[in-house]
Amino acid sequence: MKNIQNAQSVLVNDTCNDCGSYADIGSVIDEHDRQLIVNFNGPQALDESALLRQKVQARFDDVVVESTSIDSGICLTINFAFSAEKMIFQLENTI
């Protein structure tokens, strides 16, 4: 563990002081992972996709949402300005 701590930048402390776990920052979150695709099926697909569109547009300013009809329902493509926004939205809405 000392080697890991010595190798990391002094500006970043990504080792847990209690258990010694090491987190490789940047390996889990890709800064370019900004697109979320959600498919809705069934008779409520249009209403459910419209509700999710409203939620994401109310939550974030620079989000682009496209809705496409597919055979089984609606495909909603959400493009966020930042990958963190995508993660926050997924966590808030259990997606």
PDB file of N, CA and C in Angstrom:
ATOM      1  N   MET A   1       0.823  -1.187   0.000  1.00  0.00           N
ATOM      2  CA  MET A   1       0.000   0.000   0.000  1.00  0.00           C
ATOM      3  C   MET A   1       0.872   1.258   0.000  1.00  0.00           C
ATOM      4  N   LYS A   2       1.997   1.217   0.648  1.00  0.00           N
ATOM      5  CA  LYS A   2       2.892   2.380   0.667  1.00  0.00           C
ATOM      6  C   LYS A   2       3.331   2.757  -0.743  1.00  0.00           C
ATOM      7  N   ASN A   3       3.567   1.755  -1.590  1.00  0.00           N
ATOM      8  CA  ASN A   3       3.966   2.039  -2.968  1.00  0.00           C
ATOM      9  C   ASN A   3       2.868   2.776  -3.714  1.00  0.00           C
ATOM     10  N   ILE A   4       1.630   2.373  -3.478  1.00  0.00           N
ATOM     11  CA  ILE A   4       0.493   3.029  -4.133  1.00  0.00           C
ATOM     12  C   ILE A   4       0.402   4.477  -3.677  1.00  0.00           C
ATOM     13  N   GLN A   5       0.485   4.694  -2.371  1.00  0.00           N
ATOM     14  CA  GLN A   5       0.397   6.053  -1.846  1.00  0.00           C
ATOM     15  C   GLN A   5       1.548   6.919  -2.338  1.00  0.00           C
ATOM     16  N   ASN A   6       2.734   6.353  -2.428  1.00  0.00           N
ATOM     17  CA  ASN A   6       3.890   7.111  -2.898  1.00  0.00           C
ATOM     18  C   ASN A   6       3.786   7.444  -4.382  1.00  0.00           C
ATOM     19  N   ALA A   7       3.124   6.591  -5.150  1.00  0.00           N
ATOM     20  CA  ALA A   7       3.019   6.786  -6.593  1.00  0.00           C
ATOM     21  C   ALA A   7       1.949   7.793  -6.987  1.00  0.00           C
ATOM     22  N   GLN A   8       0.969   8.020  -6.129  1.00  0.00           N
ATOM     23  CA  GLN A   8      -0.114   8.916  -6.506  1.00  0.00           C
ATOM     24  C   GLN A   8       0.262  10.376  -6.282  1.00  0.00           C
ATOM     25  N   SER A   9      -0.430  11.245  -6.974  1.00  0.00           N
ATOM     26  CA  SER A   9      -0.196  12.678  -6.883  1.00  0.00           C
ATOM     27  C   SER A   9      -0.494  13.173  -5.476  1.00  0.00           C
ATOM     28  N   VAL A  10       0.217  14.204  -5.047  1.00  0.00           N
ATOM     29  CA  VAL A  10      -0.037  14.778  -3.729  1.00  0.00           C
ATOM     30  C   VAL A  10      -1.372  15.516  -3.702  1.00  0.00           C
ATOM     31  N   LEU A  11      -1.903  15.847  -4.868  1.00  0.00           N
ATOM     32  CA  LEU A  11      -3.175  16.560  -4.947  1.00  0.00           C
ATOM     33  C   LEU A  11      -4.374  15.630  -4.834  1.00  0.00           C
ATOM     34  N   VAL A  12      -4.142  14.332  -5.012  1.00  0.00           N
ATOM     35  CA  VAL A  12      -5.232  13.365  -5.010  1.00  0.00           C
ATOM     36  C   VAL A  12      -4.996  12.337  -3.919  1.00  0.00           C
ATOM     37  N   ASN A  13      -5.937  12.227  -3.001  1.00  0.00           N
ATOM     38  CA  ASN A  13      -5.856  11.183  -1.986  1.00  0.00           C
ATOM     39  C   ASN A  13      -6.971  10.203  -2.278  1.00  0.00           C
ATOM     40  N   ASP A  14      -6.641   9.124  -2.921  1.00  0.00           N
ATOM     41  CA  ASP A  14      -7.650   8.152  -3.317  1.00  0.00           C
ATOM     42  C   ASP A  14      -7.468   6.814  -2.611  1.00  0.00           C
ATOM     43  N   THR A  15      -6.819   6.848  -1.453  1.00  0.00           N
ATOM     44  CA  THR A  15      -6.668   5.654  -0.635  1.00  0.00           C
ATOM     45  C   THR A  15      -7.404   5.895   0.674  1.00  0.00           C
ATOM     46  N   CYS A  16      -8.266   4.959   1.055  1.00  0.00           N
ATOM     47  CA  CYS A  16      -9.037   5.081   2.288  1.00  0.00           C
ATOM     48  C   CYS A  16      -8.094   4.982   3.487  1.00  0.00           C
ATOM     49  N   ASN A  17      -8.176   5.948   4.375  1.00  0.00           N
ATOM     50  CA  ASN A  17      -7.317   5.946   5.560  1.00  0.00           C
ATOM     51  C   ASN A  17      -7.684   4.851   6.545  1.00  0.00           C
ATOM     52  N   ASP A  18      -8.949   4.417   6.542  1.00  0.00           N
ATOM     53  CA  ASP A  18      -9.399   3.404   7.491  1.00  0.00           C
ATOM     54  C   ASP A  18      -9.051   1.987   7.061  1.00  0.00           C
ATOM     55  N   CYS A  19      -9.373   1.650   5.808  1.00  0.00           N
ATOM     56  CA  CYS A  19      -9.196   0.260   5.373  1.00  0.00           C
ATOM     57  C   CYS A  19      -8.069   0.067   4.370  1.00  0.00           C
ATOM     58  N   GLY A  20      -7.550   1.162   3.816  1.00  0.00           N
ATOM     59  CA  GLY A  20      -6.457   1.048   2.863  1.00  0.00           C
ATOM     60  C   GLY A  20      -6.891   0.750   1.443  1.00  0.00           C
ATOM     61  N   SER A  21      -8.190   0.742   1.180  1.00  0.00           N
ATOM     62  CA  SER A  21      -8.684   0.472  -0.174  1.00  0.00           C
ATOM     63  C   SER A  21      -8.218   1.568  -1.120  1.00  0.00           C
ATOM     64  N   TYR A  22      -7.874   1.158  -2.319  1.00  0.00           N
ATOM     65  CA  TYR A  22      -7.374   2.089  -3.324  1.00  0.00           C
ATOM     66  C   TYR A  22      -8.406   2.239  -4.423  1.00  0.00           C
ATOM     67  N   ALA A  23      -8.722   3.464  -4.783  1.00  0.00           N
ATOM     68  CA  ALA A  23      -9.655   3.739  -5.874  1.00  0.00           C
ATOM     69  C   ALA A  23      -8.887   4.395  -7.004  1.00  0.00           C
ATOM     70  N   ASP A  24      -8.943   3.804  -8.167  1.00  0.00           N
ATOM     71  CA  ASP A  24      -8.266   4.354  -9.341  1.00  0.00           C
ATOM     72  C   ASP A  24      -9.201   5.366  -9.979  1.00  0.00           C
ATOM     73  N   ILE A  25      -9.050   6.615  -9.626  1.00  0.00           N
ATOM     74  CA  ILE A  25      -9.950   7.663 -10.090  1.00  0.00           C
ATOM     75  C   ILE A  25      -9.836   7.801 -11.600  1.00  0.00           C
ATOM     76  N   GLY A  26     -10.985   7.822 -12.258  1.00  0.00           N
ATOM     77  CA  GLY A  26     -11.019   7.946 -13.703  1.00  0.00           C
ATOM     78  C   GLY A  26     -11.228   6.623 -14.412  1.00  0.00           C
ATOM     79  N   SER A  27     -10.998   5.524 -13.728  1.00  0.00           N
ATOM     80  CA  SER A  27     -11.174   4.233 -14.392  1.00  0.00           C
ATOM     81  C   SER A  27     -12.625   3.785 -14.376  1.00  0.00           C
ATOM     82  N   VAL A  28     -13.400   4.266 -13.432  1.00  0.00           N
ATOM     83  CA  VAL A  28     -14.801   3.874 -13.328  1.00  0.00           C
ATOM     84  C   VAL A  28     -15.689   4.849 -14.087  1.00  0.00           C
ATOM     85  N   ILE A  29     -15.354   6.116 -14.027  1.00  0.00           N
ATOM     86  CA  ILE A  29     -16.152   7.157 -14.667  1.00  0.00           C
ATOM     87  C   ILE A  29     -15.424   7.636 -15.918  1.00  0.00           C
ATOM     88  N   ASP A  30     -16.039   7.433 -17.049  1.00  0.00           N
ATOM     89  CA  ASP A  30     -15.461   7.895 -18.310  1.00  0.00           C
ATOM     90  C   ASP A  30     -16.043   9.268 -18.620  1.00  0.00           C
ATOM     91  N   GLU A  31     -15.188  10.253 -18.797  1.00  0.00           N
ATOM     92  CA  GLU A  31     -15.660  11.618 -19.028  1.00  0.00           C
ATOM     93  C   GLU A  31     -16.467  11.763 -20.311  1.00  0.00           C
ATOM     94  N   HIS A  32     -16.343  10.814 -21.225  1.00  0.00           N
ATOM     95  CA  HIS A  32     -17.068  10.880 -22.493  1.00  0.00           C
ATOM     96  C   HIS A  32     -18.368  10.074 -22.470  1.00  0.00           C
ATOM     97  N   ASP A  33     -18.668   9.430 -21.353  1.00  0.00           N
ATOM     98  CA  ASP A  33     -19.885   8.629 -21.219  1.00  0.00           C
ATOM     99  C   ASP A  33     -21.034   9.547 -20.815  1.00  0.00           C
ATOM    100  N   ARG A  34     -21.581  10.257 -21.804  1.00  0.00           N
ATOM    101  CA  ARG A  34     -22.608  11.260 -21.532  1.00  0.00           C
ATOM    102  C   ARG A  34     -23.966  10.918 -22.131  1.00  0.00           C
ATOM    103  N   GLN A  35     -24.089   9.791 -22.798  1.00  0.00           N
ATOM    104  CA  GLN A  35     -25.351   9.442 -23.451  1.00  0.00           C
ATOM    105  C   GLN A  35     -26.063   8.331 -22.687  1.00  0.00           C
ATOM    106  N   LEU A  36     -27.346   8.560 -22.432  1.00  0.00           N
ATOM    107  CA  LEU A  36     -28.190   7.576 -21.766  1.00  0.00           C
ATOM    108  C   LEU A  36     -29.325   7.219 -22.711  1.00  0.00           C
ATOM    109  N   ILE A  37     -29.513   5.925 -22.939  1.00  0.00           N
ATOM    110  CA  ILE A  37     -30.594   5.445 -23.803  1.00  0.00           C
ATOM    111  C   ILE A  37     -31.551   4.630 -22.951  1.00  0.00           C
ATOM    112  N   VAL A  38     -32.819   5.040 -22.961  1.00  0.00           N
ATOM    113  CA  VAL A  38     -33.849   4.356 -22.179  1.00  0.00           C
ATOM    114  C   VAL A  38     -34.970   3.948 -23.124  1.00  0.00           C
ATOM    115  N   ASN A  39     -35.330   2.669 -23.091  1.00  0.00           N
ATOM    116  CA  ASN A  39     -36.428   2.159 -23.920  1.00  0.00           C
ATOM    117  C   ASN A  39     -37.680   1.987 -23.076  1.00  0.00           C
ATOM    118  N   PHE A  40     -38.803   2.397 -23.632  1.00  0.00           N
ATOM    119  CA  PHE A  40     -40.099   2.264 -22.976  1.00  0.00           C
ATOM    120  C   PHE A  40     -40.979   1.382 -23.846  1.00  0.00           C
ATOM    121  N   ASN A  41     -41.642   0.421 -23.220  1.00  0.00           N
ATOM    122  CA  ASN A  41     -42.506  -0.510 -23.948  1.00  0.00           C
ATOM    123  C   ASN A  41     -43.903  -0.510 -23.351  1.00  0.00           C
ATOM    124  N   GLY A  42     -44.860  -0.918 -24.140  1.00  0.00           N
ATOM    125  CA  GLY A  42     -46.224  -1.060 -23.649  1.00  0.00           C
ATOM    126  C   GLY A  42     -47.088   0.148 -23.930  1.00  0.00           C
ATOM    127  N   PRO A  43     -48.329   0.083 -23.460  1.00  0.00           N
ATOM    128  CA  PRO A  43     -49.297   1.143 -23.764  1.00  0.00           C
ATOM    129  C   PRO A  43     -48.953   2.498 -23.131  1.00  0.00           C
ATOM    130  N   GLN A  44     -48.165   2.502 -22.069  1.00  0.00           N
ATOM    131  CA  GLN A  44     -47.804   3.753 -21.394  1.00  0.00           C
ATOM    132  C   GLN A  44     -46.448   4.307 -21.842  1.00  0.00           C
ATOM    133  N   ALA A  45     -45.863   3.731 -22.884  1.00  0.00           N
ATOM    134  CA  ALA A  45     -44.511   4.107 -23.318  1.00  0.00           C
ATOM    135  C   ALA A  45     -44.397   5.596 -23.636  1.00  0.00           C
ATOM    136  N   LEU A  46     -45.355   6.135 -24.341  1.00  0.00           N
ATOM    137  CA  LEU A  46     -45.305   7.548 -24.724  1.00  0.00           C
ATOM    138  C   LEU A  46     -45.375   8.458 -23.497  1.00  0.00           C
ATOM    139  N   ASP A  47     -46.300   8.157 -22.588  1.00  0.00           N
ATOM    140  CA  ASP A  47     -46.452   8.966 -21.374  1.00  0.00           C
ATOM    141  C   ASP A  47     -45.222   8.867 -20.470  1.00  0.00           C
ATOM    142  N   GLU A  48     -44.688   7.661 -20.307  1.00  0.00           N
ATOM    143  CA  GLU A  48     -43.520   7.457 -19.450  1.00  0.00           C
ATOM    144  C   GLU A  48     -42.284   8.151 -20.018  1.00  0.00           C
ATOM    145  N   SER A  49     -42.116   8.087 -21.330  1.00  0.00           N
ATOM    146  CA  SER A  49     -40.964   8.749 -21.947  1.00  0.00           C
ATOM    147  C   SER A  49     -41.097  10.270 -21.852  1.00  0.00           C
ATOM    148  N   ALA A  50     -42.306  10.778 -21.990  1.00  0.00           N
ATOM    149  CA  ALA A  50     -42.536  12.222 -21.864  1.00  0.00           C
ATOM    150  C   ALA A  50     -42.241  12.694 -20.438  1.00  0.00           C
ATOM    151  N   LEU A  51     -42.604  11.885 -19.456  1.00  0.00           N
ATOM    152  CA  LEU A  51     -42.343  12.222 -18.057  1.00  0.00           C
ATOM    153  C   LEU A  51     -40.838  12.269 -17.775  1.00  0.00           C
ATOM    154  N   LEU A  52     -40.108  11.290 -18.292  1.00  0.00           N
ATOM    155  CA  LEU A  52     -38.659  11.273 -18.088  1.00  0.00           C
ATOM    156  C   LEU A  52     -37.996  12.453 -18.802  1.00  0.00           C
ATOM    157  N   ARG A  53     -38.493  12.783 -19.978  1.00  0.00           N
ATOM    158  CA  ARG A  53     -37.982  13.948 -20.722  1.00  0.00           C
ATOM    159  C   ARG A  53     -38.166  15.218 -19.886  1.00  0.00           C
ATOM    160  N   GLN A  54     -39.346  15.391 -19.312  1.00  0.00           N
ATOM    161  CA  GLN A  54     -39.618  16.567 -18.485  1.00  0.00           C
ATOM    162  C   GLN A  54     -38.693  16.620 -17.274  1.00  0.00           C
ATOM    163  N   LYS A  55     -38.483  15.463 -16.640  1.00  0.00           N
ATOM    164  CA  LYS A  55     -37.614  15.410 -15.458  1.00  0.00           C
ATOM    165  C   LYS A  55     -36.189  15.832 -15.782  1.00  0.00           C
ATOM    166  N   VAL A  56     -35.647  15.279 -16.860  1.00  0.00           N
ATOM    167  CA  VAL A  56     -34.248  15.568 -17.184  1.00  0.00           C
ATOM    168  C   VAL A  56     -34.076  17.007 -17.658  1.00  0.00           C
ATOM    169  N   GLN A  57     -35.039  17.543 -18.387  1.00  0.00           N
ATOM    170  CA  GLN A  57     -34.932  18.922 -18.853  1.00  0.00           C
ATOM    171  C   GLN A  57     -35.127  19.918 -17.716  1.00  0.00           C
ATOM    172  N   ALA A  58     -35.895  19.539 -16.707  1.00  0.00           N
ATOM    173  CA  ALA A  58     -36.069  20.401 -15.543  1.00  0.00           C
ATOM    174  C   ALA A  58     -34.834  20.369 -14.642  1.00  0.00           C
ATOM    175  N   ARG A  59     -34.135  19.253 -14.646  1.00  0.00           N
ATOM    176  CA  ARG A  59     -32.985  19.061 -13.749  1.00  0.00           C
ATOM    177  C   ARG A  59     -31.693  19.667 -14.295  1.00  0.00           C
ATOM    178  N   PHE A  60     -31.476  19.561 -15.611  1.00  0.00           N
ATOM    179  CA  PHE A  60     -30.219  20.010 -16.218  1.00  0.00           C
ATOM    180  C   PHE A  60     -30.492  20.971 -17.377  1.00  0.00           C
ATOM    181  N   ASP A  61     -29.658  21.998 -17.485  1.00  0.00           N
ATOM    182  CA  ASP A  61     -29.860  23.030 -18.506  1.00  0.00           C
ATOM    183  C   ASP A  61     -29.434  22.599 -19.902  1.00  0.00           C
ATOM    184  N   ASP A  62     -28.247  22.057 -20.030  1.00  0.00           N
ATOM    185  CA  ASP A  62     -27.675  21.762 -21.348  1.00  0.00           C
ATOM    186  C   ASP A  62     -27.839  20.304 -21.739  1.00  0.00           C
ATOM    187  N   VAL A  63     -29.045  19.801 -21.644  1.00  0.00           N
ATOM    188  CA  VAL A  63     -29.314  18.407 -22.000  1.00  0.00           C
ATOM    189  C   VAL A  63     -30.109  18.379 -23.305  1.00  0.00           C
ATOM    190  N   VAL A  64     -29.772  17.419 -24.165  1.00  0.00           N
ATOM    191  CA  VAL A  64     -30.474  17.260 -25.440  1.00  0.00           C
ATOM    192  C   VAL A  64     -31.173  15.908 -25.414  1.00  0.00           C
ATOM    193  N   VAL A  65     -32.482  15.918 -25.664  1.00  0.00           N
ATOM    194  CA  VAL A  65     -33.277  14.690 -25.594  1.00  0.00           C
ATOM    195  C   VAL A  65     -33.925  14.429 -26.945  1.00  0.00           C
ATOM    196  N   GLU A  66     -33.759  13.202 -27.429  1.00  0.00           N
ATOM    197  CA  GLU A  66     -34.384  12.787 -28.686  1.00  0.00           C
ATOM    198  C   GLU A  66     -35.268  11.578 -28.419  1.00  0.00           C
ATOM    199  N   SER A  67     -36.437  11.598 -29.009  1.00  0.00           N
ATOM    200  CA  SER A  67     -37.385  10.499 -28.862  1.00  0.00           C
ATOM    201  C   SER A  67     -37.593   9.846 -30.223  1.00  0.00           C
ATOM    202  N   THR A  68     -37.495   8.513 -30.245  1.00  0.00           N
ATOM    203  CA  THR A  68     -37.648   7.765 -31.485  1.00  0.00           C
ATOM    204  C   THR A  68     -38.648   6.639 -31.278  1.00  0.00           C
ATOM    205  N   SER A  69     -39.573   6.498 -32.222  1.00  0.00           N
ATOM    206  CA  SER A  69     -40.509   5.370 -32.170  1.00  0.00           C
ATOM    207  C   SER A  69     -39.803   4.115 -32.670  1.00  0.00           C
ATOM    208  N   ILE A  70     -39.942   3.052 -31.898  1.00  0.00           N
ATOM    209  CA  ILE A  70     -39.408   1.751 -32.297  1.00  0.00           C
ATOM    210  C   ILE A  70     -40.564   0.764 -32.319  1.00  0.00           C
ATOM    211  N   ASP A  71     -40.324  -0.423 -32.832  1.00  0.00           N
ATOM    212  CA  ASP A  71     -41.396  -1.414 -32.970  1.00  0.00           C
ATOM    213  C   ASP A  71     -42.145  -1.661 -31.668  1.00  0.00           C
ATOM    214  N   SER A  72     -41.404  -1.772 -30.585  1.00  0.00           N
ATOM    215  CA  SER A  72     -42.032  -2.145 -29.321  1.00  0.00           C
ATOM    216  C   SER A  72     -42.362  -0.962 -28.421  1.00  0.00           C
ATOM    217  N   GLY A  73     -42.083   0.271 -28.855  1.00  0.00           N
ATOM    218  CA  GLY A  73     -42.393   1.420 -28.011  1.00  0.00           C
ATOM    219  C   GLY A  73     -41.617   2.663 -28.381  1.00  0.00           C
ATOM    220  N   ILE A  74     -41.000   3.287 -27.371  1.00  0.00           N
ATOM    221  CA  ILE A  74     -40.283   4.549 -27.538  1.00  0.00           C
ATOM    222  C   ILE A  74     -38.847   4.390 -27.040  1.00  0.00           C
ATOM    223  N   CYS A  75     -37.916   4.927 -27.815  1.00  0.00           N
ATOM    224  CA  CYS A  75     -36.507   4.963 -27.416  1.00  0.00           C
ATOM    225  C   CYS A  75     -36.159   6.420 -27.127  1.00  0.00           C
ATOM    226  N   LEU A  76     -35.766   6.690 -25.896  1.00  0.00           N
ATOM    227  CA  LEU A  76     -35.404   8.038 -25.481  1.00  0.00           C
ATOM    228  C   LEU A  76     -33.882   8.110 -25.368  1.00  0.00           C
ATOM    229  N   THR A  77     -33.268   8.998 -26.131  1.00  0.00           N
ATOM    230  CA  THR A  77     -31.821   9.192 -26.091  1.00  0.00           C
ATOM    231  C   THR A  77     -31.547  10.536 -25.434  1.00  0.00           C
ATOM    232  N   ILE A  78     -30.822  10.495 -24.325  1.00  0.00           N
ATOM    233  CA  ILE A  78     -30.528  11.699 -23.553  1.00  0.00           C
ATOM    234  C   ILE A  78     -29.027  11.959 -23.618  1.00  0.00           C
ATOM    235  N   ASN A  79     -28.658  13.127 -24.100  1.00  0.00           N
ATOM    236  CA  ASN A  79     -27.251  13.526 -24.175  1.00  0.00           C
ATOM    237  C   ASN A  79     -26.991  14.623 -23.149  1.00  0.00           C
ATOM    238  N   PHE A  80     -26.169  14.289 -22.161  1.00  0.00           N
ATOM    239  CA  PHE A  80     -25.836  15.213 -21.086  1.00  0.00           C
ATOM    240  C   PHE A  80     -24.588  16.011 -21.450  1.00  0.00           C
ATOM    241  N   ALA A  81     -24.418  17.168 -20.833  1.00  0.00           N
ATOM    242  CA  ALA A  81     -23.222  17.979 -21.054  1.00  0.00           C
ATOM    243  C   ALA A  81     -22.007  17.359 -20.366  1.00  0.00           C
ATOM    244  N   PHE A  82     -22.239  16.671 -19.244  1.00  0.00           N
ATOM    245  CA  PHE A  82     -21.155  16.074 -18.463  1.00  0.00           C
ATOM    246  C   PHE A  82     -21.546  14.674 -18.011  1.00  0.00           C
ATOM    247  N   SER A  83     -20.564  13.800 -17.901  1.00  0.00           N
ATOM    248  CA  SER A  83     -20.842  12.431 -17.463  1.00  0.00           C
ATOM    249  C   SER A  83     -21.365  12.403 -16.031  1.00  0.00           C
ATOM    250  N   ALA A  84     -20.949  13.354 -15.207  1.00  0.00           N
ATOM    251  CA  ALA A  84     -21.439  13.406 -13.829  1.00  0.00           C
ATOM    252  C   ALA A  84     -22.945  13.655 -13.793  1.00  0.00           C
ATOM    253  N   GLU A  85     -23.445  14.474 -14.716  1.00  0.00           N
ATOM    254  CA  GLU A  85     -24.886  14.722 -14.780  1.00  0.00           C
ATOM    255  C   GLU A  85     -25.637  13.433 -15.089  1.00  0.00           C
ATOM    256  N   LYS A  86     -25.087  12.643 -15.987  1.00  0.00           N
ATOM    257  CA  LYS A  86     -25.713  11.362 -16.328  1.00  0.00           C
ATOM    258  C   LYS A  86     -25.792  10.471 -15.100  1.00  0.00           C
ATOM    259  N   MET A  87     -24.686  10.378 -14.367  1.00  0.00           N
ATOM    260  CA  MET A  87     -24.663   9.539 -13.170  1.00  0.00           C
ATOM    261  C   MET A  87     -25.646  10.030 -12.117  1.00  0.00           C
ATOM    262  N   ILE A  88     -25.682  11.327 -11.906  1.00  0.00           N
ATOM    263  CA  ILE A  88     -26.597  11.911 -10.921  1.00  0.00           C
ATOM    264  C   ILE A  88     -28.038  11.608 -11.298  1.00  0.00           C
ATOM    265  N   PHE A  89     -28.374  11.791 -12.564  1.00  0.00           N
ATOM    266  CA  PHE A  89     -29.742  11.542 -13.023  1.00  0.00           C
ATOM    267  C   PHE A  89     -30.116  10.070 -12.875  1.00  0.00           C
ATOM    268  N   GLN A  90     -29.192   9.181 -13.208  1.00  0.00           N
ATOM    269  CA  GLN A  90     -29.457   7.750 -13.065  1.00  0.00           C
ATOM    270  C   GLN A  90     -29.688   7.386 -11.604  1.00  0.00           C
ATOM    271  N   LEU A  91     -28.894   7.931 -10.710  1.00  0.00           N
ATOM    272  CA  LEU A  91     -29.052   7.632  -9.289  1.00  0.00           C
ATOM    273  C   LEU A  91     -30.355   8.198  -8.742  1.00  0.00           C
ATOM    274  N   GLU A  92     -30.681   9.427  -9.121  1.00  0.00           N
ATOM    275  CA  GLU A  92     -31.907  10.063  -8.628  1.00  0.00           C
ATOM    276  C   GLU A  92     -33.163   9.350  -9.112  1.00  0.00           C
ATOM    277  N   ASN A  93     -33.092   8.743 -10.290  1.00  0.00           N
ATOM    278  CA  ASN A  93     -34.274   8.121 -10.888  1.00  0.00           C
ATOM    279  C   ASN A  93     -34.179   6.602 -10.955  1.00  0.00           C
ATOM    280  N   THR A  94     -33.214   6.028 -10.271  1.00  0.00           N
ATOM    281  CA  THR A  94     -32.982   4.572 -10.232  1.00  0.00           C
ATOM    282  C   THR A  94     -33.046   3.932 -11.618  1.00  0.00           C
ATOM    283  N   ILE A  95     -32.251   4.484 -12.525  1.00  0.00           N
ATOM    284  CA  ILE A  95     -32.189   3.967 -13.898  1.00  0.00           C
ATOM    285  C   ILE A  95     -30.933   3.135 -14.029  1.00  0.00           C
TER     286      ILE A  95
END
